[in-house]
């Protein structure tokens, strides 16, 4: 996308508003419905794009992940998953649809491979990605040098 293309900021704000409302509703529903508060631990794997949640060492819930981006902790820069060579293909899911949605609608923040970390802009990009890919929820986790941002799909209780 040509960064000089005309950007309709009002249209972007409308998309963000709708995505934010959708994300809040779906996130709250996911947390309430599946009991994802309190003493819950999560474990995820990018190799198979899966996340599980457990309580007292017993897994009770599983879902599929799409890694949407990362924030480098020392440099504070946002990097889109599709612009990063390290995630395995399974973790990318349909993330390419988010980039195309941005290109087709003139929303440059979505097809940019990365940018200096601005918390509100990262939040907007995450919520719009969740809307475009019909995610059940958003999840994030930090390692020593990076904060990873995920979409959560296909959440199901684990028989135990």
Protein backbone atom coordinates (compact mmCIF):
# COMPACT_ATOMS: atom_id res chain seq x y z
CA UNK A 1 0.00 0.00 0.00
CA UNK A 2 1.24 3.45 -0.85
CA UNK A 3 1.46 5.33 2.47
CA UNK A 4 0.55 8.50 0.55
CA UNK A 5 -2.85 7.09 -0.40
CA UNK A 6 -5.84 8.96 0.89
CA UNK A 7 -6.85 7.75 4.33
CA UNK A 8 -10.43 8.27 5.46
CA UNK A 9 -9.87 8.73 9.18
CA UNK A 10 -13.58 8.97 9.95
CA UNK A 11 -14.18 5.58 8.31
CA UNK A 12 -11.26 4.12 10.28
CA UNK A 13 -12.69 5.49 13.54
CA UNK A 14 -16.07 3.88 12.73
CA UNK A 15 -14.42 0.51 12.02
CA UNK A 16 -12.41 0.78 15.24
CA UNK A 17 -15.47 1.72 17.29
CA UNK A 18 -17.47 -1.25 15.98
CA UNK A 19 -14.49 -3.60 16.44
CA UNK A 20 -13.88 -2.32 20.00
CA UNK A 21 -17.52 -2.89 20.99
CA UNK A 22 -17.48 -6.36 19.42
CA UNK A 23 -14.17 -7.27 21.10
CA UNK A 24 -15.37 -6.09 24.53
CA UNK A 25 -18.56 -8.10 24.25
CA UNK A 26 -16.90 -11.26 22.94
CA UNK A 27 -13.99 -11.03 25.40
CA UNK A 28 -16.34 -10.67 28.37
CA UNK A 29 -18.48 -13.54 27.09
CA UNK A 30 -15.43 -15.79 26.66
CA UNK A 31 -14.12 -14.98 30.15
CA UNK A 32 -17.51 -15.40 31.84
CA UNK A 33 -18.66 -18.45 29.88
CA UNK A 34 -15.45 -20.40 30.40
CA UNK A 35 -14.38 -19.12 33.82
CA UNK A 36 -11.14 -17.49 32.64
CA UNK A 37 -10.55 -15.40 35.75
CA UNK A 38 -8.88 -15.94 39.08
CA UNK A 39 -6.29 -18.67 39.43
CA UNK A 40 -6.21 -19.70 35.76
CA UNK A 41 -2.93 -20.54 34.03
CA UNK A 42 -2.46 -20.60 30.29
CA UNK A 43 -0.02 -22.48 28.11
CA UNK A 44 0.34 -21.84 24.42
CA UNK A 45 2.30 -23.17 21.50
CA UNK A 46 2.94 -21.39 18.26
CA UNK A 47 4.08 -24.64 16.65
CA UNK A 48 0.57 -26.05 16.67
CA UNK A 49 -1.28 -22.73 17.19
CA UNK A 50 -2.99 -23.97 20.37
CA UNK A 51 -3.69 -22.54 23.78
CA UNK A 52 -4.90 -24.37 26.87
CA UNK A 53 -6.09 -23.07 30.20
CA UNK A 54 -5.78 -24.94 33.46
CA UNK A 55 -6.69 -24.56 37.08
CA UNK A 56 -4.78 -26.41 39.83
CA UNK A 57 -2.81 -28.25 37.13
CA UNK A 58 -5.89 -29.60 35.32
CA UNK A 59 -6.54 -28.44 31.75
CA UNK A 60 -10.18 -27.45 31.32
CA UNK A 61 -10.22 -25.41 28.09
CA UNK A 62 -8.45 -25.28 24.73
CA UNK A 63 -8.52 -23.04 21.70
CA UNK A 64 -6.78 -22.18 18.44
CA UNK A 65 -4.46 -19.19 18.17
CA UNK A 66 -3.59 -16.71 15.48
CA UNK A 67 -0.55 -14.62 16.33
CA UNK A 68 -1.32 -11.10 15.11
CA UNK A 69 1.78 -9.24 16.17
CA UNK A 70 4.41 -8.52 18.75
CA UNK A 71 5.87 -5.59 20.62
CA UNK A 72 9.62 -5.74 21.12
CA UNK A 73 10.23 -4.87 24.74
CA UNK A 74 13.64 -3.20 24.41
CA UNK A 75 12.81 -1.27 21.21
CA UNK A 76 9.08 -0.74 21.73
CA UNK A 77 8.13 -1.45 18.13
CA UNK A 78 5.03 -3.25 16.82
CA UNK A 79 5.70 -5.94 14.23
CA UNK A 80 2.93 -7.65 12.29
CA UNK A 81 3.12 -11.43 12.27
CA UNK A 82 2.99 -11.62 8.48
CA UNK A 83 6.07 -9.37 8.33
CA UNK A 84 8.01 -11.54 10.78
CA UNK A 85 9.80 -14.68 9.63
CA UNK A 86 9.93 -16.40 13.03
CA UNK A 87 6.33 -17.59 13.65
CA UNK A 88 5.53 -21.04 12.26
CA UNK A 89 2.90 -21.17 9.49
CA UNK A 90 0.26 -22.69 11.80
CA UNK A 91 0.41 -19.60 14.03
CA UNK A 92 -0.35 -17.24 11.14
CA UNK A 93 -3.87 -18.58 10.55
CA UNK A 94 -5.70 -16.20 8.19
CA UNK A 95 -3.71 -13.11 9.22
CA UNK A 96 -3.19 -12.24 5.56
CA UNK A 97 -6.90 -11.34 5.40
CA UNK A 98 -6.28 -8.53 7.90
CA UNK A 99 -3.53 -7.04 5.73
CA UNK A 100 -5.75 -7.27 2.62
CA UNK A 101 -8.69 -5.70 4.49
CA UNK A 102 -6.48 -2.72 5.33
CA UNK A 103 -5.23 -2.38 1.76
CA UNK A 104 -8.70 -2.69 0.21
CA UNK A 105 -10.23 -0.11 2.54
CA UNK A 106 -7.38 2.38 2.81
CA UNK A 107 -6.53 1.69 6.47
CA UNK A 108 -2.72 1.93 6.43
CA UNK A 109 -2.16 0.74 10.01
CA UNK A 110 -3.25 -2.78 8.99
CA UNK A 111 -0.87 -3.41 6.06
CA UNK A 112 2.11 -1.62 7.63
CA UNK A 113 4.61 -4.34 8.56
CA UNK A 114 5.48 -2.46 11.75
CA UNK A 115 5.59 0.89 13.50
CA UNK A 116 6.84 2.52 16.68
CA UNK A 117 4.75 1.26 19.56
CA UNK A 118 1.77 3.47 20.32
CA UNK A 119 -0.48 1.60 22.77
CA UNK A 120 -3.74 2.97 21.37
CA UNK A 121 -2.78 2.24 17.76
CA UNK A 122 -1.74 -1.31 18.70
CA UNK A 123 -5.06 -1.77 20.53
CA UNK A 124 -6.98 -0.54 17.49
CA UNK A 125 -5.07 -2.86 15.15
CA UNK A 126 -5.66 -5.82 17.48
CA UNK A 127 -9.39 -5.20 17.79
CA UNK A 128 -9.91 -4.71 14.06
CA UNK A 129 -7.94 -7.92 13.42
CA UNK A 130 -10.23 -9.73 15.89
CA UNK A 131 -13.26 -8.43 14.03
CA UNK A 132 -11.95 -9.26 10.55
CA UNK A 133 -11.04 -12.81 11.63
CA UNK A 134 -14.14 -13.32 13.79
CA UNK A 135 -12.12 -14.18 16.90
CA UNK A 136 -13.72 -15.22 20.16
CA UNK A 137 -11.18 -13.24 22.12
CA UNK A 138 -7.80 -11.58 22.41
CA UNK A 139 -4.88 -12.85 24.48
CA UNK A 140 -1.38 -11.54 25.17
CA UNK A 141 1.69 -12.94 26.86
CA UNK A 142 5.20 -11.64 27.48
CA UNK A 143 8.53 -13.38 27.29
CA UNK A 144 11.87 -11.85 28.22
CA UNK A 145 12.10 -9.57 25.19
CA UNK A 146 8.74 -9.58 23.43
CA UNK A 147 5.05 -9.19 24.13
CA UNK A 148 3.01 -11.47 21.84
CA UNK A 149 -0.57 -10.69 20.82
CA UNK A 150 -2.97 -13.48 19.86
CA UNK A 151 -6.47 -13.95 18.60
CA UNK A 152 -8.33 -16.88 20.16
CA UNK A 153 -10.69 -19.05 18.10
CA UNK A 154 -12.64 -22.30 18.52
CA UNK A 155 -12.62 -22.32 22.32
CA UNK A 156 -13.94 -25.60 23.71
CA UNK A 157 -14.01 -27.26 27.12
CA UNK A 158 -11.64 -30.19 27.53
CA UNK A 159 -13.23 -33.36 28.82
CA UNK A 160 -11.46 -34.42 31.88
